[in-house]
């Protein structure tokens, strides 16, 4: 996969985009939000970031209607940035073979383990067939353990779609990662794991567990209300993305950036 990483002193700058929920029709709406237009506004904000991001990390629910064209819309929207993009599926991305077919053309890459900038990046599939909740298969857990053993000398970021921790909303916690203890059983054996990042929750989340920082990221479209037992849209928060800068010595910096609703489109 092509690398655009800057100097080691500048770190590897990643932008996490999640839960784009795109349709074949770029004007398609989810919960009253035109998801294609919203993603364009977010990408405009990404394009203005300095220094320029080295990598996009797309953490699932990339499509809402699960059509081939929706993934082509995604590719068309991110291509002008010219930034390599890794991706993983969410519960709305059931047609994984179709995703692999469409999202294997630059800037997208189907690669699921990448060593860059002195870090190891591992992408997991937590989606289940016809289920909203998540589960990581036994095969994927064995693969994860093997990758962590092979690159034990590198600080590591693990990405998946479903939250491995409770986020404080009963309805969302019921549809998170169902076998989180199986994941922890692997991660807890590998002290080089520094970060676990995910989507699904359409809100910001930040919590430490066993020395690992778990980060949830806002959707590029609709936001969900935090700390509430029943589903609710949060109309007070804008779409956004997460910036993560990784340094070869294992340090990292991260922040959530919200897009301006009134941003103009070109």
Protein backbone atom coordinates (compact mmCIF):
# COMPACT_ATOMS: atom_id res chain seq x y z
CA UNK A 1 0.00 0.00 0.00
CA UNK A 2 1.43 3.43 -0.88
CA UNK A 3 2.77 5.37 2.08
CA UNK A 4 2.61 9.12 2.49
CA UNK A 5 3.92 9.18 6.06
CA UNK A 6 5.84 12.29 7.00
CA UNK A 7 9.04 12.51 9.01
CA UNK A 8 9.28 10.44 12.21
CA UNK A 9 9.42 13.61 14.28
CA UNK A 10 6.05 14.71 12.88
CA UNK A 11 4.44 11.36 13.64
CA UNK A 12 1.97 9.34 11.60
CA UNK A 13 -1.25 11.33 11.36
CA UNK A 14 -4.43 9.27 11.04
CA UNK A 15 -7.97 10.54 10.50
CA UNK A 16 -10.67 8.14 11.64
CA UNK A 17 -13.95 8.44 9.75
CA UNK A 18 -16.81 6.26 10.86
CA UNK A 19 -20.48 5.47 10.29
CA UNK A 20 -20.83 7.32 6.99
CA UNK A 21 -24.09 5.43 6.18
CA UNK A 22 -23.98 6.25 2.48
CA UNK A 23 -26.63 5.48 -0.13
CA UNK A 24 -26.41 4.83 -3.85
CA UNK A 25 -28.20 8.17 -4.15
CA UNK A 26 -25.86 10.84 -2.78
CA UNK A 27 -28.93 12.72 -1.53
CA UNK A 28 -30.18 9.72 0.45
CA UNK A 29 -31.20 10.49 4.05
CA UNK A 30 -30.78 8.73 7.37
CA UNK A 31 -32.78 10.18 10.28
CA UNK A 32 -33.22 13.40 8.31
CA UNK A 33 -29.54 13.79 7.42
CA UNK A 34 -28.25 13.67 3.85
CA UNK A 35 -25.32 11.41 4.63
CA UNK A 36 -23.45 12.02 1.39
CA UNK A 37 -23.58 15.78 1.80
CA UNK A 38 -22.61 15.49 5.46
CA UNK A 39 -19.57 13.40 4.55
CA UNK A 40 -18.55 16.00 1.97
CA UNK A 41 -18.61 18.69 4.67
CA UNK A 42 -16.50 16.50 6.96
CA UNK A 43 -14.03 15.73 4.18
CA UNK A 44 -13.73 19.43 3.46
CA UNK A 45 -12.68 19.90 7.09
CA UNK A 46 -10.20 17.01 6.78
CA UNK A 47 -8.68 18.61 3.67
CA UNK A 48 -7.98 21.79 5.63
CA UNK A 49 -6.07 20.07 8.43
CA UNK A 50 -2.37 20.79 8.76
CA UNK A 51 -0.17 18.90 8.64
CA UNK A 52 -1.86 16.80 5.99
CA UNK A 53 -3.12 13.42 7.24
CA UNK A 54 -1.10 10.37 6.20
CA UNK A 55 -3.88 7.81 6.46
CA UNK A 56 -7.67 7.52 6.62
CA UNK A 57 -9.12 4.84 8.89
CA UNK A 58 -12.74 3.99 8.00
CA UNK A 59 -14.32 2.02 10.85
CA UNK A 60 -17.52 0.57 9.46
CA UNK A 61 -21.16 1.23 8.64
CA UNK A 62 -19.84 2.82 5.49
CA UNK A 63 -23.07 2.02 3.62
CA UNK A 64 -26.68 2.34 4.70
CA UNK A 65 -28.34 0.58 1.76
CA UNK A 66 -25.52 -1.96 1.22
CA UNK A 67 -25.38 -1.35 -2.53
CA UNK A 68 -22.34 -1.48 -4.75
CA UNK A 69 -22.98 2.11 -5.78
CA UNK A 70 -22.91 3.33 -2.16
CA UNK A 71 -19.32 2.09 -1.86
CA UNK A 72 -18.49 3.70 -5.18
CA UNK A 73 -19.90 6.95 -3.79
CA UNK A 74 -17.53 6.58 -0.83
CA UNK A 75 -14.56 5.98 -3.11
CA UNK A 76 -15.54 8.94 -5.26
CA UNK A 77 -15.82 11.27 -2.26
CA UNK A 78 -12.53 10.35 -0.59
CA UNK A 79 -10.46 10.10 -3.79
CA UNK A 80 -9.78 13.86 -4.21
CA UNK A 81 -7.90 13.85 -0.89
CA UNK A 82 -5.36 11.40 -2.31
CA UNK A 83 -4.84 9.92 1.17
CA UNK A 84 -4.52 6.12 1.52
CA UNK A 85 -7.54 4.64 3.28
CA UNK A 86 -7.88 1.45 5.31
CA UNK A 87 -11.39 0.19 6.05
CA UNK A 88 -13.32 -2.42 8.01
CA UNK A 89 -16.99 -3.46 7.93
CA UNK A 90 -19.78 -2.60 10.36
CA UNK A 91 -23.16 -4.19 10.94
CA UNK A 92 -24.61 -2.28 7.97
CA UNK A 93 -21.86 -3.64 5.70
CA UNK A 94 -23.12 -7.19 5.17
CA UNK A 95 -21.85 -7.49 1.58
CA UNK A 96 -18.19 -7.81 2.54
CA UNK A 97 -17.17 -9.46 -0.74
CA UNK A 98 -18.70 -6.50 -2.56
CA UNK A 99 -16.81 -4.08 -0.31
CA UNK A 100 -13.55 -5.88 -1.05
CA UNK A 101 -14.25 -5.66 -4.76
CA UNK A 102 -15.00 -1.92 -4.80
CA UNK A 103 -12.72 -0.71 -2.02
CA UNK A 104 -9.52 -2.24 -3.35
CA UNK A 105 -8.68 0.67 -5.65
CA UNK A 106 -6.48 3.56 -4.48
CA UNK A 107 -6.95 5.40 -2.25
CA UNK A 108 -8.81 2.50 -0.58
CA UNK A 109 -7.00 -0.67 0.45
CA UNK A 110 -8.41 -3.96 1.81
CA UNK A 111 -5.23 -4.44 3.90
CA UNK A 112 -6.01 -5.34 7.53
CA UNK A 113 -2.54 -5.23 9.11
CA UNK A 114 -0.08 -2.44 8.35
CA UNK A 115 3.25 -1.44 9.83
CA UNK A 116 3.87 2.25 9.30
CA UNK A 117 5.41 5.11 11.22
CA UNK A 118 6.88 2.75 13.80
CA UNK A 119 3.43 1.38 14.72
CA UNK A 120 1.43 -1.73 13.96
CA UNK A 121 -2.16 -1.09 12.82
CA UNK A 122 -4.62 -4.00 13.02
CA UNK A 123 -8.20 -3.91 11.68
CA UNK A 124 -10.76 -6.43 12.93
CA UNK A 125 -14.13 -7.49 11.55
CA UNK A 126 -16.69 -7.45 14.37
CA UNK A 127 -19.78 -7.66 12.14
CA UNK A 128 -22.17 -10.61 12.30
CA UNK A 129 -24.52 -11.76 9.57
CA UNK A 130 -27.93 -10.13 9.98
CA UNK A 131 -27.15 -8.85 13.49
CA UNK A 132 -26.76 -5.30 14.82
CA UNK A 133 -24.50 -6.37 17.67
CA UNK A 134 -20.92 -7.43 17.13
CA UNK A 135 -18.81 -10.53 17.63
CA UNK A 136 -15.21 -11.29 16.68
CA UNK A 137 -14.85 -14.80 15.30
CA UNK A 138 -12.48 -17.33 16.83
CA UNK A 139 -10.45 -17.30 13.61
CA UNK A 140 -10.11 -13.51 13.80
CA UNK A 141 -9.03 -13.68 17.44
CA UNK A 142 -6.35 -16.24 16.57
CA UNK A 143 -5.21 -14.04 13.68
CA UNK A 144 -5.09 -11.02 16.02
CA UNK A 145 -2.95 -12.93 18.50
CA UNK A 146 -0.61 -14.05 15.72
CA UNK A 147 -0.16 -10.49 14.43
CA UNK A 148 0.51 -9.21 17.93
CA UNK A 149 3.10 -11.93 18.50
CA UNK A 150 4.80 -11.28 15.15
CA UNK A 151 5.09 -7.53 15.73
CA UNK A 152 5.51 -7.52 19.50
CA UNK A 153 8.22 -4.86 19.20
CA UNK A 154 5.84 -2.26 17.73
CA UNK A 155 3.32 -0.11 19.63
CA UNK A 156 -0.08 -1.12 18.31
CA UNK A 157 -3.45 0.39 17.42
CA UNK A 158 -6.38 -2.00 17.03
CA UNK A 159 -9.53 -0.88 15.19
CA UNK A 160 -12.98 -2.44 14.99
CA UNK A 161 -16.57 -1.27 14.55
CA UNK A 162 -18.36 -2.29 17.74
CA UNK A 163 -17.48 -0.86 21.18
CA UNK A 164 -15.72 -3.39 23.43
CA UNK A 165 -16.73 -1.42 26.53
CA UNK A 166 -20.10 -0.28 27.86
CA UNK A 167 -20.66 3.35 26.89
CA UNK A 168 -23.37 4.22 29.42
CA UNK A 169 -26.44 3.98 27.17
CA UNK A 170 -28.52 0.85 27.83
CA UNK A 171 -29.84 0.52 24.29
CA UNK A 172 -26.37 0.88 22.76
CA UNK A 173 -24.65 -1.36 25.29
CA UNK A 174 -27.07 -4.13 24.27
CA UNK A 175 -25.77 -4.00 20.69
CA UNK A 176 -22.06 -3.59 21.35
CA UNK A 177 -19.38 -6.28 21.09
CA UNK A 178 -20.92 -9.45 22.53
CA UNK A 179 -17.68 -11.36 23.18
CA UNK A 180 -15.61 -8.53 24.58
CA UNK A 181 -14.00 -10.80 27.19
CA UNK A 182 -12.59 -12.96 24.39
CA UNK A 183 -11.01 -9.85 22.88
CA UNK A 184 -9.62 -8.75 26.23
CA UNK A 185 -8.14 -12.22 26.78
CA UNK A 186 -5.97 -11.63 23.70
CA UNK A 187 -5.18 -7.95 24.20
CA UNK A 188 -4.23 -8.39 27.86
CA UNK A 189 -1.37 -10.69 26.81
CA UNK A 190 0.25 -8.03 24.63
CA UNK A 191 1.44 -4.90 26.46
CA UNK A 192 2.40 -3.17 23.20
CA UNK A 193 -1.29 -2.48 22.50
CA UNK A 194 -1.83 1.21 23.24
CA UNK A 195 -5.08 2.14 21.51
CA UNK A 196 -8.37 0.50 20.52
CA UNK A 197 -10.57 2.67 18.31
CA UNK A 198 -14.12 2.00 17.16
CA UNK A 199 -17.32 3.46 15.70
CA UNK A 200 -20.96 2.30 15.95
CA UNK A 201 -21.89 4.63 18.84
CA UNK A 202 -22.14 7.91 16.84
CA UNK A 203 -20.60 9.85 19.74
CA UNK A 204 -17.31 10.57 21.45
CA UNK A 205 -15.97 8.08 24.02
CA UNK A 206 -12.67 7.89 25.91
CA UNK A 207 -11.83 5.35 28.61
CA UNK A 208 -8.76 3.50 29.91
CA UNK A 209 -8.72 -0.23 30.62
CA UNK A 210 -5.64 -2.19 31.68
CA UNK A 211 -3.33 0.48 30.27
CA UNK A 212 -5.13 0.56 26.90
CA UNK A 213 -7.07 3.63 25.77
CA UNK A 214 -10.45 2.89 24.17
CA UNK A 215 -11.73 5.61 21.85
CA UNK A 216 -15.14 6.00 20.22
CA UNK A 217 -15.64 8.55 17.47
CA UNK A 218 -18.56 10.67 16.22
CA UNK A 219 -20.27 9.72 12.99
CA UNK A 220 -19.79 11.76 9.85
CA UNK A 221 -23.58 12.14 9.81
CA UNK A 222 -26.16 11.74 12.61
CA UNK A 223 -25.07 11.91 16.28
CA UNK A 224 -26.61 9.79 19.05
CA UNK A 225 -27.33 11.19 22.51
CA UNK A 226 -24.86 9.95 25.16
CA UNK A 227 -25.72 8.44 28.55
CA UNK A 228 -29.37 7.74 27.82
CA UNK A 229 -31.27 4.45 28.11
CA UNK A 230 -33.35 4.77 24.94
CA UNK A 231 -32.35 5.74 21.42
CA UNK A 232 -32.25 9.48 20.82
CA UNK A 233 -30.72 11.79 18.20
CA UNK A 234 -28.35 14.43 19.55
CA UNK A 235 -29.10 17.54 17.49
CA UNK A 236 -26.70 19.68 19.53
CA UNK A 237 -23.51 18.09 18.19
CA UNK A 238 -22.11 18.29 14.67
CA UNK A 239 -20.69 15.48 12.53
CA UNK A 240 -17.01 14.90 13.09
CA UNK A 241 -13.91 12.75 12.93
CA UNK A 242 -10.97 11.79 15.11
CA UNK A 243 -7.35 12.75 14.56
CA UNK A 244 -4.70 10.40 15.95
CA UNK A 245 -0.98 11.13 15.70
CA UNK A 246 1.31 8.18 16.41
CA UNK A 247 4.98 8.61 17.30
CA UNK A 248 7.61 5.87 16.86
CA UNK A 249 8.45 5.89 20.58
CA UNK A 250 4.90 4.76 21.43
CA UNK A 251 3.49 8.17 22.31
CA UNK A 252 0.30 9.37 20.68
CA UNK A 253 -1.99 12.38 20.57
CA UNK A 254 -5.68 12.40 19.70
CA UNK A 255 -8.60 14.80 19.42
CA UNK A 256 -12.10 14.89 18.00
CA UNK A 257 -12.79 17.55 15.38
CA UNK A 258 -16.34 18.64 14.60
CA UNK A 259 -17.31 19.96 11.16
CA UNK A 260 -19.23 23.18 10.74
CA UNK A 261 -22.80 22.56 9.61
CA UNK A 262 -22.78 25.68 7.47
CA UNK A 263 -19.53 24.81 5.67
CA UNK A 264 -19.78 25.38 1.94
CA UNK A 265 -19.29 22.61 -0.59
CA UNK A 266 -17.20 22.93 -3.71
